[in-house]
Amino acid sequence: MPALQVRDFPEDLYGELRECASVECRSIANQVIYILRDYLCAYRVKQQHEATDEGAPRFVCIEPKPKAAPCRIEPVGRRGRLQCEEERFARIEERKGLFARIHALPKFEVPDGFPDPADLVREDRDGRPSDAMLGIGA
């Protein structure tokens, strides 16, 4: 993927970009991509007007995007992560769909005398030497 580097970027503009990205629940890189896509879309509209001899419009009206949901910091793993409510709800809906697919799978019968999963885990754990876990993470 190509990388873009801008030298001598004005500090005041960078501060505004950072603030805007924070409000929109985006990283600075994602905010730059978002802004450039909107601009290039408007630029293409302007070019089309010029190509058809309709004359370029004095301004290009872009439909306003819906306001992003408020952001909040939620702990994820060892560090906090900026997360939008709409992203969270989208993941919840995705999980609901996955669980619906799982519940729609054909049912099967567990044979009589099949060991309990807890017993299998306990048997595996008890079968290991007591110092087996000491070498992990060393």
Protein backbone atom coordinates (compact mmCIF):
# COMPACT_ATOMS: atom_id res chain seq x y z
CA MET A 1 0.00 0.00 0.00
CA PRO A 2 1.40 3.40 -0.90
CA ALA A 3 2.45 5.75 1.87
CA LEU A 4 2.06 9.51 1.85
CA GLN A 5 4.40 11.87 3.66
CA VAL A 6 3.82 15.61 3.83
CA ARG A 7 6.76 17.82 4.75
CA ASP A 8 6.40 21.13 6.57
CA PHE A 9 2.76 20.47 7.43
CA PRO A 10 1.43 23.54 9.31
CA GLU A 11 1.02 22.85 13.03
CA ASP A 12 -2.29 24.68 13.30
CA LEU A 13 -3.76 22.64 10.44
CA TYR A 14 -2.45 19.43 12.01
CA GLY A 15 -4.09 20.37 15.32
CA GLU A 16 -7.43 20.93 13.57
CA LEU A 17 -7.04 17.64 11.72
CA ARG A 18 -6.31 15.79 14.97
CA GLU A 19 -9.35 17.36 16.67
CA CYS A 20 -11.60 16.59 13.70
CA ALA A 21 -10.37 12.96 13.58
CA SER A 22 -11.05 12.57 17.30
CA VAL A 23 -14.60 13.90 16.98
CA GLU A 24 -15.26 11.61 14.00
CA CYS A 25 -13.80 8.56 15.81
CA ARG A 26 -11.04 8.08 13.26
CA SER A 27 -7.29 7.93 13.29
CA ILE A 28 -5.51 10.87 11.70
CA ALA A 29 -4.55 8.70 8.71
CA ASN A 30 -8.17 7.57 8.23
CA GLN A 31 -9.40 11.16 8.55
CA VAL A 32 -6.99 12.32 5.84
CA ILE A 33 -8.22 9.52 3.54
CA TYR A 34 -11.84 10.45 4.30
CA ILE A 35 -11.25 14.14 3.57
CA LEU A 36 -9.33 13.41 0.37
CA ARG A 37 -12.06 11.06 -0.91
CA ASP A 38 -14.69 13.76 -0.35
CA TYR A 39 -12.55 16.39 -2.06
CA LEU A 40 -11.71 14.15 -5.03
CA CYS A 41 -15.39 13.27 -5.46
CA ALA A 42 -16.23 17.00 -5.62
CA TYR A 43 -13.30 17.52 -8.00
CA ARG A 44 -14.64 14.82 -10.36
CA VAL A 45 -18.08 16.48 -10.35
CA LYS A 46 -16.43 19.79 -11.23
CA GLN A 47 -14.44 18.15 -14.04
CA GLN A 48 -17.60 16.55 -15.46
CA HIS A 49 -19.35 19.92 -15.54
CA GLU A 50 -16.39 21.46 -17.36
CA ALA A 51 -16.24 18.57 -19.86
CA THR A 52 -19.91 18.92 -20.79
CA ASP A 53 -19.58 22.67 -21.36
CA GLU A 54 -22.12 23.35 -18.65
CA GLY A 55 -19.53 25.45 -16.94
CA ALA A 56 -18.04 24.55 -13.62
CA PRO A 57 -20.34 25.21 -10.70
CA ARG A 58 -19.21 27.99 -8.38
CA PHE A 59 -19.40 25.51 -5.53
CA VAL A 60 -20.06 21.83 -5.19
CA CYS A 61 -22.63 20.76 -2.68
CA ILE A 62 -21.78 17.47 -1.01
CA GLU A 63 -24.46 15.75 1.02
CA PRO A 64 -23.56 16.04 4.69
CA LYS A 65 -22.54 12.80 6.31
CA PRO A 66 -24.42 11.76 9.43
CA LYS A 67 -22.65 12.82 12.60
CA ALA A 68 -20.49 10.08 14.08
CA ALA A 69 -21.59 8.58 17.33
CA PRO A 70 -19.81 9.89 20.42
CA CYS A 71 -16.51 8.19 21.14
CA ARG A 72 -15.42 6.66 24.37
CA ILE A 73 -12.41 4.81 25.66
CA GLU A 74 -13.03 1.16 26.45
CA PRO A 75 -10.41 -1.22 27.80
CA VAL A 76 -9.46 -3.85 25.25
CA GLY A 77 -6.76 -6.31 26.21
CA ARG A 78 -3.82 -4.57 27.81
CA ARG A 79 -4.55 -1.10 26.45
CA GLY A 80 -7.54 1.15 25.90
CA ARG A 81 -8.96 1.60 22.43
CA LEU A 82 -11.03 4.40 20.98
CA GLN A 83 -14.33 2.93 19.99
CA CYS A 84 -17.49 4.38 18.51
CA GLU A 85 -20.87 3.24 19.69
CA GLU A 86 -21.95 2.46 16.13
CA GLU A 87 -18.91 0.20 15.62
CA ARG A 88 -19.80 -1.59 18.85
CA PHE A 89 -23.41 -2.08 17.78
CA ALA A 90 -22.30 -3.30 14.34
CA ARG A 91 -20.11 -5.95 15.98
CA ILE A 92 -22.98 -6.97 18.27
CA GLU A 93 -25.30 -7.41 15.26
CA GLU A 94 -22.60 -9.39 13.46
CA ARG A 95 -22.28 -11.72 16.47
CA LYS A 96 -26.07 -12.13 16.65
CA GLY A 97 -26.05 -13.22 13.00
CA LEU A 98 -23.24 -15.67 13.67
CA PHE A 99 -25.07 -17.18 16.64
CA ALA A 100 -28.23 -17.48 14.52
CA ARG A 101 -26.23 -19.42 11.91
CA ILE A 102 -24.79 -21.67 14.63
CA HIS A 103 -28.25 -22.37 16.09
CA ALA A 104 -29.53 -23.22 12.59
CA LEU A 105 -26.94 -26.00 12.19
CA PRO A 106 -28.28 -29.56 12.49
CA LYS A 107 -28.37 -30.90 16.02
CA PHE A 108 -26.54 -34.08 16.96
CA GLU A 109 -26.86 -36.43 19.88
CA VAL A 110 -23.94 -37.00 22.21
CA PRO A 111 -23.52 -40.74 22.72
CA ASP A 112 -24.22 -42.22 26.15
CA GLY A 113 -21.13 -42.53 28.28
CA PHE A 114 -19.34 -39.65 26.53
CA PRO A 115 -17.06 -37.94 29.10
CA ASP A 116 -17.96 -34.54 30.49
CA PRO A 117 -15.79 -31.75 29.00
CA ALA A 118 -14.79 -30.58 32.48
CA ASP A 119 -13.54 -34.08 33.27
CA LEU A 120 -11.45 -34.07 30.07
CA VAL A 121 -9.86 -30.73 30.96
CA ARG A 122 -9.19 -31.83 34.53
CA GLU A 123 -7.62 -35.08 33.31
CA ASP A 124 -5.35 -33.17 30.90
CA ARG A 125 -4.35 -30.65 33.57
CA ASP A 126 -3.66 -33.33 36.18
CA GLY A 127 -1.58 -35.33 33.71
CA ARG A 128 0.96 -32.50 33.25
CA PRO A 129 3.99 -32.17 35.49
CA SER A 130 3.51 -29.42 38.08
CA ASP A 131 6.49 -27.41 36.79
CA ALA A 132 5.37 -27.57 33.12
CA MET A 133 4.05 -24.01 33.22
CA LEU A 134 7.27 -22.50 34.63
CA GLY A 135 9.00 -22.35 31.25
CA ILE A 136 6.19 -20.37 29.61
CA GLY A 137 6.94 -16.67 29.17
CA ALA A 138 10.54 -17.01 30.22
